[in-house]
Amino acid sequence: MAEYKDNLLGEANSFLEVLEQVSHLAPLDKPVLIIGERGTGKELIASRLHYLSSRWQGPFISLNCAALNENLLDSELFGHEAGAFTGAQKRHPGRFERADGGTLFLDELATAPMMVQEKLLRVIEYGELERVGGSQPLQVNVRLVCATNADLPAMVNEGTFRADLLDRLAFDVVQLPPLRERESDIMLMAEHFAIQMCREIKLPLFPGFTEHARETLLNYRLPGNIR
């Protein structure tokens, strides 16, 4: 079991409401869809859902769907048998198998191709999968938490995302506010990271921000949010 470190920081009402929602959702053992811009802490929220649930002693496994092409994503999620394709010299357990008894977090879900979406739906509905190159169904017990910044209903209308998958994933939706909408948290974050940086470069103390620096930070659009 990995050690849980809650790095979520904030006092804004919109952020505290998200944390309260997560606390209510965590024990329900249903799929959860997290919506938020890059850098808003989607994986941290997924981790919190896991460690507040009855699965907390099980594995928490994550994967960014945008980091792999279709074939690699298929193999990495569902595993493959030896000889399934060129270079597959031995059996490879996928992320679902590794997450058995725990939680699987999939970021950038909207980039998953339709073939992978179909397989995800099968796991959600029946709790089973087949490795690439295999024919034997495997049972897995995994809670799926997915995240995206895309407009999935619009993608359904365009035919690039499965309506039935969206329906099954959206048991409940957690909407993360961008940092620019959490004005009371901007300086809290800035001071936290400034103090952290001072420790890393071995400065004895952080003298604080000038008024000009504070105004600049509060007026900045913060396109990367907390990144």
Protein backbone atom coordinates (compact mmCIF):
# COMPACT_ATOMS: atom_id res chain seq x y z
CA MET A 1 0.00 0.00 0.00
CA ALA A 2 1.36 3.42 -0.98
CA GLU A 3 1.58 6.18 1.61
CA TYR A 4 -1.12 8.80 1.19
CA LYS A 5 0.04 12.39 1.14
CA ASP A 6 -2.78 14.90 0.91
CA ASN A 7 -1.24 17.83 -0.98
CA LEU A 8 -4.58 19.54 -1.53
CA LEU A 9 -4.39 23.14 -0.35
CA GLY A 10 -7.14 25.71 -0.31
CA GLU A 11 -9.72 27.64 1.71
CA ALA A 12 -11.98 29.02 -1.05
CA ASN A 13 -15.63 28.03 -0.65
CA SER A 14 -15.77 26.47 -4.12
CA PHE A 15 -12.77 24.27 -3.29
CA LEU A 16 -14.09 23.26 0.13
CA GLU A 17 -17.39 22.28 -1.51
CA VAL A 18 -15.45 19.95 -3.83
CA LEU A 19 -13.72 18.32 -0.86
CA GLU A 20 -17.07 17.81 0.84
CA GLN A 21 -18.51 16.26 -2.33
CA VAL A 22 -15.51 13.92 -2.56
CA SER A 23 -16.01 12.84 1.05
CA HIS A 24 -19.62 11.89 0.23
CA LEU A 25 -18.68 10.07 -2.99
CA ALA A 26 -15.66 8.14 -1.71
CA PRO A 27 -17.55 5.34 0.10
CA LEU A 28 -20.06 4.72 -2.72
CA ASP A 29 -17.74 2.55 -4.87
CA LYS A 30 -19.15 3.89 -8.15
CA PRO A 31 -17.35 5.40 -11.17
CA VAL A 32 -16.62 9.11 -10.86
CA LEU A 33 -15.89 11.64 -13.60
CA ILE A 34 -13.66 14.60 -12.70
CA ILE A 35 -13.85 17.69 -14.90
CA GLY A 36 -11.21 20.39 -14.68
CA GLU A 37 -8.53 22.33 -16.48
CA ARG A 38 -4.96 21.09 -16.49
CA GLY A 39 -3.27 21.79 -13.21
CA THR A 40 -6.42 21.92 -11.08
CA GLY A 41 -5.51 18.76 -9.15
CA LYS A 42 -7.58 16.05 -10.84
CA GLU A 43 -5.22 13.22 -9.88
CA LEU A 44 -5.03 14.47 -6.28
CA ILE A 45 -8.82 14.40 -6.11
CA ALA A 46 -8.85 10.88 -7.57
CA SER A 47 -6.30 9.82 -4.96
CA ARG A 48 -8.44 11.32 -2.21
CA LEU A 49 -11.47 9.40 -3.50
CA HIS A 50 -9.42 6.21 -3.26
CA TYR A 51 -7.93 6.73 0.20
CA LEU A 52 -11.25 7.78 1.74
CA SER A 53 -12.93 4.64 0.36
CA SER A 54 -13.06 1.04 1.55
CA ARG A 55 -10.41 0.31 -1.12
CA TRP A 56 -7.77 2.41 0.61
CA GLN A 57 -5.54 -0.58 1.32
CA GLY A 58 -5.66 -1.64 -2.33
CA PRO A 59 -3.58 -0.20 -5.18
CA PHE A 60 -4.11 3.26 -6.67
CA ILE A 61 -2.99 3.07 -10.31
CA SER A 62 -3.01 5.97 -12.77
CA LEU A 63 -2.57 6.36 -16.52
CA ASN A 64 -2.65 9.34 -18.87
CA CYS A 65 -4.56 8.19 -21.95
CA ALA A 66 -3.05 10.96 -24.07
CA ALA A 67 0.48 9.65 -23.52
CA LEU A 68 0.01 6.50 -25.62
CA ASN A 69 -1.21 5.67 -29.12
CA GLU A 70 -4.24 3.42 -29.62
CA ASN A 71 -2.39 0.09 -29.68
CA LEU A 72 -0.15 0.90 -26.74
CA LEU A 73 -3.08 2.24 -24.71
CA ASP A 74 -5.05 -0.94 -25.39
CA SER A 75 -2.12 -3.11 -24.26
CA GLU A 76 -1.30 -0.95 -21.24
CA LEU A 77 -4.87 -0.88 -19.97
CA PHE A 78 -5.94 -4.46 -20.61
CA GLY A 79 -2.60 -6.27 -20.85
CA HIS A 80 -1.40 -8.63 -23.57
CA GLU A 81 -0.48 -12.26 -24.01
CA ALA A 82 2.92 -13.47 -25.15
CA GLY A 83 3.08 -13.33 -28.94
CA ALA A 84 0.11 -10.97 -29.22
CA PHE A 85 2.18 -8.69 -31.46
CA THR A 86 5.76 -8.21 -32.59
CA GLY A 87 7.97 -7.77 -29.55
CA ALA A 88 5.45 -9.21 -27.08
CA GLN A 89 7.76 -11.90 -25.73
CA LYS A 90 5.91 -12.49 -22.48
CA ARG A 91 2.54 -11.92 -20.85
CA HIS A 92 2.01 -8.35 -19.63
CA PRO A 93 -0.61 -7.56 -16.95
CA GLY A 94 -2.46 -4.34 -17.76
CA ARG A 95 -3.34 -1.47 -15.46
CA PHE A 96 -6.75 -2.96 -14.71
CA GLU A 97 -5.16 -6.17 -13.44
CA ARG A 98 -2.63 -4.22 -11.40
CA ALA A 99 -5.44 -2.11 -9.90
CA ASP A 100 -7.50 -5.16 -8.87
CA GLY A 101 -9.03 -4.51 -5.46
CA GLY A 102 -8.26 -0.81 -5.74
CA THR A 103 -8.79 2.21 -7.98
CA LEU A 104 -7.73 3.01 -11.55
CA PHE A 105 -7.44 6.69 -12.47
CA LEU A 106 -7.54 7.54 -16.18
CA ASP A 107 -6.59 11.10 -17.09
CA GLU A 108 -7.29 12.72 -20.48
CA LEU A 109 -10.13 10.24 -21.04
CA ALA A 110 -11.42 12.13 -24.08
CA THR A 111 -8.36 11.06 -26.08
CA ALA A 112 -9.20 7.34 -25.72
CA PRO A 113 -10.17 5.85 -29.12
CA MET A 114 -13.59 4.27 -29.64
CA MET A 115 -12.21 0.73 -29.49
CA VAL A 116 -10.75 1.39 -26.04
CA GLN A 117 -13.97 3.11 -24.95
CA GLU A 118 -15.91 -0.04 -25.85
CA LYS A 119 -13.59 -2.17 -23.71
CA LEU A 120 -13.86 0.28 -20.81
CA LEU A 121 -17.64 -0.02 -20.96
CA ARG A 122 -17.38 -3.81 -20.74
CA VAL A 123 -15.22 -3.58 -17.61
CA ILE A 124 -17.65 -1.17 -15.97
CA GLU A 125 -20.73 -3.24 -16.82
CA TYR A 126 -19.42 -6.77 -16.31
CA GLY A 127 -16.15 -6.42 -14.41
CA GLU A 128 -14.30 -8.41 -17.05
CA LEU A 129 -11.71 -7.93 -19.78
CA GLU A 130 -9.58 -9.85 -22.24
CA ARG A 131 -5.89 -9.26 -22.71
CA VAL A 132 -4.75 -8.30 -26.21
CA GLY A 133 -4.17 -11.57 -28.04
CA GLY A 134 -6.18 -13.52 -25.47
CA SER A 135 -9.60 -15.14 -25.52
CA GLN A 136 -10.11 -15.93 -21.84
CA PRO A 137 -12.23 -13.37 -19.94
CA LEU A 138 -10.58 -12.13 -16.75
CA GLN A 139 -12.55 -10.82 -13.79
CA VAL A 140 -11.34 -7.61 -12.15
CA ASN A 141 -12.63 -5.65 -9.18
CA VAL A 142 -11.66 -2.05 -9.89
CA ARG A 143 -13.20 1.33 -9.18
CA LEU A 144 -12.76 3.58 -12.20
CA VAL A 145 -12.15 7.31 -11.79
CA CYS A 146 -11.71 9.30 -15.00
CA ALA A 147 -10.78 12.89 -15.71
CA THR A 148 -10.95 15.26 -18.65
CA ASN A 149 -11.10 18.91 -19.61
CA ALA A 150 -13.05 18.14 -22.79
CA ASP A 151 -16.77 18.67 -23.38
CA LEU A 152 -17.81 15.01 -23.44
CA PRO A 153 -21.52 15.66 -24.24
CA ALA A 154 -20.40 17.65 -27.30
CA MET A 155 -18.10 14.79 -28.29
CA VAL A 156 -21.05 12.39 -27.98
CA ASN A 157 -23.00 14.59 -30.40
CA GLU A 158 -20.01 14.57 -32.77
CA GLY A 159 -19.78 10.79 -32.60
CA THR A 160 -16.30 10.74 -31.04
CA PHE A 161 -17.32 9.58 -27.57
CA ARG A 162 -19.72 6.81 -26.59
CA ALA A 163 -22.96 8.01 -25.03
CA ASP A 164 -23.36 4.77 -23.04
CA LEU A 165 -19.85 5.10 -21.59
CA LEU A 166 -20.48 8.69 -20.56
CA ASP A 167 -23.74 7.61 -18.95
CA ARG A 168 -21.99 4.90 -16.92
CA LEU A 169 -19.04 7.08 -15.93
CA ALA A 170 -21.09 10.06 -14.86
CA PHE A 171 -22.67 8.45 -11.78
CA ASP A 172 -21.46 11.69 -10.26
CA VAL A 173 -19.34 14.49 -11.66
CA VAL A 174 -16.77 16.46 -9.69
CA GLN A 175 -16.18 19.88 -11.24
CA LEU A 176 -12.87 21.44 -10.18
CA PRO A 177 -12.74 25.25 -10.21
CA PRO A 178 -9.71 26.86 -11.89
CA LEU A 179 -7.33 28.70 -9.58
CA ARG A 180 -8.30 32.09 -11.04
CA GLU A 181 -11.79 31.52 -9.61
CA ARG A 182 -10.33 30.73 -6.18
CA GLU A 183 -8.98 34.22 -5.53
CA SER A 184 -8.58 33.71 -1.79
CA ASP A 185 -6.32 30.71 -2.49
CA ILE A 186 -3.91 32.40 -4.92
CA MET A 187 -1.71 34.02 -2.28
CA LEU A 188 -2.06 30.98 -0.02
CA MET A 189 -0.61 28.85 -2.83
CA ALA A 190 2.05 31.40 -3.75
CA GLU A 191 3.30 31.66 -0.17
CA HIS A 192 3.26 27.87 0.25
CA PHE A 193 5.43 27.31 -2.82
CA ALA A 194 7.70 30.28 -2.04
CA ILE A 195 8.43 28.87 1.44
CA GLN A 196 9.00 25.44 -0.09
CA MET A 197 11.46 26.92 -2.59
CA CYS A 198 13.33 28.76 0.16
CA ARG A 199 13.81 25.46 1.99
CA GLU A 200 15.08 23.77 -1.16
CA ILE A 201 17.68 26.47 -1.84
CA LYS A 202 18.47 26.71 1.90
CA LEU A 203 17.39 30.30 2.49
CA PRO A 204 16.74 30.93 6.21
CA LEU A 205 13.33 32.56 5.68
CA PHE A 206 10.85 33.88 3.14
CA PRO A 207 10.48 37.65 3.57
CA GLY A 208 7.06 37.79 1.92
CA PHE A 209 5.72 39.28 -1.29
CA THR A 210 5.81 42.98 -2.10
CA GLU A 211 2.50 44.70 -2.73
CA HIS A 212 3.35 44.90 -6.44
CA ALA A 213 4.03 41.16 -6.56
CA ARG A 214 0.74 40.44 -4.81
CA GLU A 215 -1.20 42.59 -7.29
CA THR A 216 0.56 40.93 -10.21
CA LEU A 217 -0.27 37.44 -8.97
CA LEU A 218 -3.90 38.30 -8.24
CA ASN A 219 -4.37 39.85 -11.70
CA TYR A 220 -2.63 37.05 -13.61
CA ARG A 221 -4.81 34.58 -15.53
CA LEU A 222 -2.84 31.56 -14.20
CA PRO A 223 -3.27 29.45 -17.38
CA GLY A 224 -1.47 26.46 -15.86
CA ASN A 225 -3.38 26.73 -12.57
CA ILE A 226 -1.20 25.04 -9.91
CA ARG A 227 1.40 23.70 -12.35
